[in-house]
Structure formats: C-alpha cells, structure tokens
Protein backbone atom coordinates (compact mmCIF):
# COMPACT_ATOMS: atom_id res chain seq x y z
CA UNK A 1 48.48 75.20 119.29
CA UNK A 2 49.15 71.58 119.87
CA UNK A 3 50.59 70.45 123.16
CA UNK A 4 52.57 67.69 121.41
CA UNK A 5 56.22 68.22 120.48
CA UNK A 6 56.97 68.89 116.85
CA UNK A 7 58.00 65.94 114.72
CA UNK A 8 60.76 66.41 112.15
CA UNK A 9 59.72 66.31 108.52
CA UNK A 10 60.84 63.19 106.69
CA UNK A 11 60.57 63.23 102.90
CA UNK A 12 59.04 60.14 101.32
CA UNK A 13 61.52 57.40 100.53
CA UNK A 14 59.97 56.84 97.11
CA UNK A 15 58.58 59.89 95.29
CA UNK A 16 56.90 57.74 92.66
CA UNK A 17 54.51 56.49 95.34
CA UNK A 18 52.98 59.98 95.33
CA UNK A 19 52.22 59.84 91.60
CA UNK A 20 49.05 58.32 90.16
CA UNK A 21 49.34 54.61 89.49
CA UNK A 22 49.44 55.04 85.70
CA UNK A 23 52.60 57.13 85.80
CA UNK A 24 55.94 55.47 86.37
CA UNK A 25 58.45 58.33 86.54
CA UNK A 26 61.52 58.29 88.71
CA UNK A 27 62.59 61.39 90.59
CA UNK A 28 65.77 61.64 88.55
CA UNK A 29 63.83 61.78 85.28
CA UNK A 30 61.47 64.38 86.74
CA UNK A 31 64.38 66.57 87.82
CA UNK A 32 66.02 66.20 84.42
CA UNK A 33 62.87 67.24 82.56
CA UNK A 34 62.30 70.12 84.98
CA UNK A 35 65.83 71.35 84.23
CA UNK A 36 65.20 71.06 80.48
CA UNK A 37 62.02 73.12 80.85
CA UNK A 38 63.81 75.77 82.92
CA UNK A 39 66.64 75.99 80.41
CA UNK A 40 64.24 76.24 77.46
CA UNK A 41 62.51 79.16 79.20
CA UNK A 42 65.93 80.68 79.95
CA UNK A 43 66.99 80.39 76.29
CA UNK A 44 63.85 82.12 75.00
CA UNK A 45 64.13 84.84 77.64
CA UNK A 46 67.82 85.38 76.83
CA UNK A 47 67.22 85.65 73.10
CA UNK A 48 64.52 88.27 73.69
CA UNK A 49 66.72 90.17 76.16
CA UNK A 50 69.69 90.18 73.77
CA UNK A 51 67.48 91.41 70.94
CA UNK A 52 66.17 94.30 73.05
CA UNK A 53 69.62 95.13 74.38
CA UNK A 54 71.05 95.37 70.87
CA UNK A 55 68.08 97.30 69.52
CA UNK A 56 67.76 99.86 72.31
CA UNK A 57 71.25 100.14 73.81
CA UNK A 58 72.42 102.61 71.13
CA UNK A 59 75.61 100.71 70.29
CA UNK A 60 76.92 100.33 73.81
CA UNK A 61 80.52 99.09 73.74
CA UNK A 62 79.90 96.80 76.72
CA UNK A 63 76.97 94.93 75.13
CA UNK A 64 78.86 92.27 73.18
CA UNK A 65 81.38 91.29 75.90
CA UNK A 66 78.62 91.22 78.52
CA UNK A 67 76.43 88.98 76.34
CA UNK A 68 79.38 86.67 75.60
CA UNK A 69 80.20 86.32 79.31
CA UNK A 70 76.54 85.74 80.17
CA UNK A 71 76.17 83.02 77.53
CA UNK A 72 79.45 81.30 78.48
CA UNK A 73 78.67 81.21 82.20
CA UNK A 74 75.08 80.11 81.61
CA UNK A 75 76.19 77.34 79.25
CA UNK A 76 78.72 76.13 81.83
CA UNK A 77 76.09 76.08 84.59
CA UNK A 78 73.56 74.25 82.39
CA UNK A 79 76.14 71.69 81.30
CA UNK A 80 77.14 71.07 84.91
CA UNK A 81 73.54 70.72 86.06
CA UNK A 82 72.66 68.25 83.31
CA UNK A 83 75.90 66.27 83.49
CA UNK A 84 74.92 64.33 86.59
CA UNK A 85 77.68 65.96 88.61
CA UNK A 86 75.33 67.96 90.80
CA UNK A 87 76.70 66.56 94.05
CA UNK A 88 74.47 68.73 96.21
CA UNK A 89 71.38 66.99 94.76
CA UNK A 90 72.53 63.39 95.11
CA UNK A 91 71.07 62.87 98.62
CA UNK A 92 67.64 63.72 97.22
CA UNK A 93 67.75 61.55 94.09
CA UNK A 94 67.22 57.80 93.94
C-alpha cells in the first residue's frame, strides 16, 4: 500500500496520441467502426436465432410478433447510435 493519496484518473485529451505514429484515426471514427462491427455481429446472431426459433418452436403463435418487435426496437437503437445523437457519449468524443 502506498502512503500517498490517490490521484483521480484523467483520460488522455487526445486518444490518437496512444496509437502508433502510422495510424491517424480519430476517436469518433473508431467508435463508429466499433459500432458497425457490433451491429454486424448482432445481425448475424439475430438471423441465426430467428432461424432456430422458427425451426424448433413448433409454430409458436408468439414467434412472429416477438421477432418483429425485436427487429423494430433493435433497428431504432442502431439508428439512434449511428445518427450522432448519442448525447451521453459527446463528452468522450473529440
């Protein structure tokens, strides 16, 4: 244990300073591409889940409305996240 008081963590003012010198990527572009990667994974996972639900649910009457609601809400969340209106992230982006 250190006998010095704890210092608050301060994030770097410029995240690109942490990247190798050959890369010139802003934090906003990195976040955007990370979101695209997450949503691509989500889309593949959702397609597989819907396929299995339809194949093994034995014609459940709730399957189609549940899938429609899931797709609509997910599309709305993805559109909001990629629209630049993510106000909770603006303090962290350049």
